[in-house]
């Protein structure tokens, strides 16, 4: 379980960094692709998953 969450965290952090470089590739499903939207979408998911991973790692 922790490995899956860790891989998801890594994936979304990579998407966040990639989206800051080329936002139109990261937000392919959206017509309007500013960098702030990349941070809001992928950054918030990555942050929540990072916190979840930290809590689960602390508890085990």
Protein backbone atom coordinates (compact mmCIF):
# COMPACT_ATOMS: atom_id res chain seq x y z
CA UNK A 1 0.00 0.00 0.00
CA UNK A 2 2.76 2.44 0.91
CA UNK A 3 4.60 1.68 -2.33
CA UNK A 4 1.54 2.55 -4.40
CA UNK A 5 1.05 5.83 -2.54
CA UNK A 6 4.77 6.63 -2.88
CA UNK A 7 4.66 6.00 -6.64
CA UNK A 8 1.54 8.16 -6.94
CA UNK A 9 3.25 10.96 -5.02
CA UNK A 10 6.27 10.79 -7.31
CA UNK A 11 4.08 10.72 -10.41
CA UNK A 12 2.08 13.79 -9.42
CA UNK A 13 5.18 15.75 -8.36
CA UNK A 14 6.74 14.97 -11.75
CA UNK A 15 3.54 16.06 -13.49
CA UNK A 16 3.57 19.28 -11.46
CA UNK A 17 7.15 20.09 -12.42
CA UNK A 18 6.55 19.10 -16.03
CA UNK A 19 3.38 21.20 -16.10
CA UNK A 20 5.26 24.26 -14.90
CA UNK A 21 7.60 23.86 -17.88
CA UNK A 22 4.94 23.04 -20.48
CA UNK A 23 1.44 23.57 -19.05
CA UNK A 24 -0.39 22.70 -22.26
CA UNK A 25 1.00 19.14 -22.15
CA UNK A 26 0.11 18.55 -18.50
CA UNK A 27 -3.40 19.97 -18.87
CA UNK A 28 -4.23 18.36 -22.20
CA UNK A 29 -7.91 18.06 -21.22
CA UNK A 30 -8.36 21.79 -20.66
CA UNK A 31 -8.69 24.58 -23.21
CA UNK A 32 -7.10 27.16 -20.91
CA UNK A 33 -3.77 26.05 -19.39
CA UNK A 34 -1.99 28.61 -17.18
CA UNK A 35 0.75 27.53 -14.81
CA UNK A 36 -1.30 28.49 -11.77
CA UNK A 37 -3.93 25.92 -12.81
CA UNK A 38 -1.20 23.26 -13.00
CA UNK A 39 -0.22 24.12 -9.43
CA UNK A 40 -3.82 24.01 -8.27
CA UNK A 41 -4.67 20.69 -9.92
CA UNK A 42 -1.52 18.58 -9.75
CA UNK A 43 0.17 20.41 -6.90
CA UNK A 44 -2.76 19.99 -4.55
CA UNK A 45 -3.06 16.28 -5.39
CA UNK A 46 0.68 15.80 -4.87
CA UNK A 47 0.59 17.68 -1.58
CA UNK A 48 -2.36 15.68 -0.21
CA UNK A 49 -0.78 12.39 -1.25
CA UNK A 50 2.53 13.44 0.31
CA UNK A 51 0.82 14.20 3.60
CA UNK A 52 -1.07 10.89 3.44
CA UNK A 53 2.18 9.02 2.78
CA UNK A 54 3.90 10.77 5.69
CA UNK A 55 1.06 9.98 8.09
CA UNK A 56 0.85 6.34 7.02
CA UNK A 57 4.62 5.94 7.25
CA UNK A 58 4.58 7.48 10.73
CA UNK A 59 1.81 5.13 11.88
CA UNK A 60 3.50 1.96 10.64
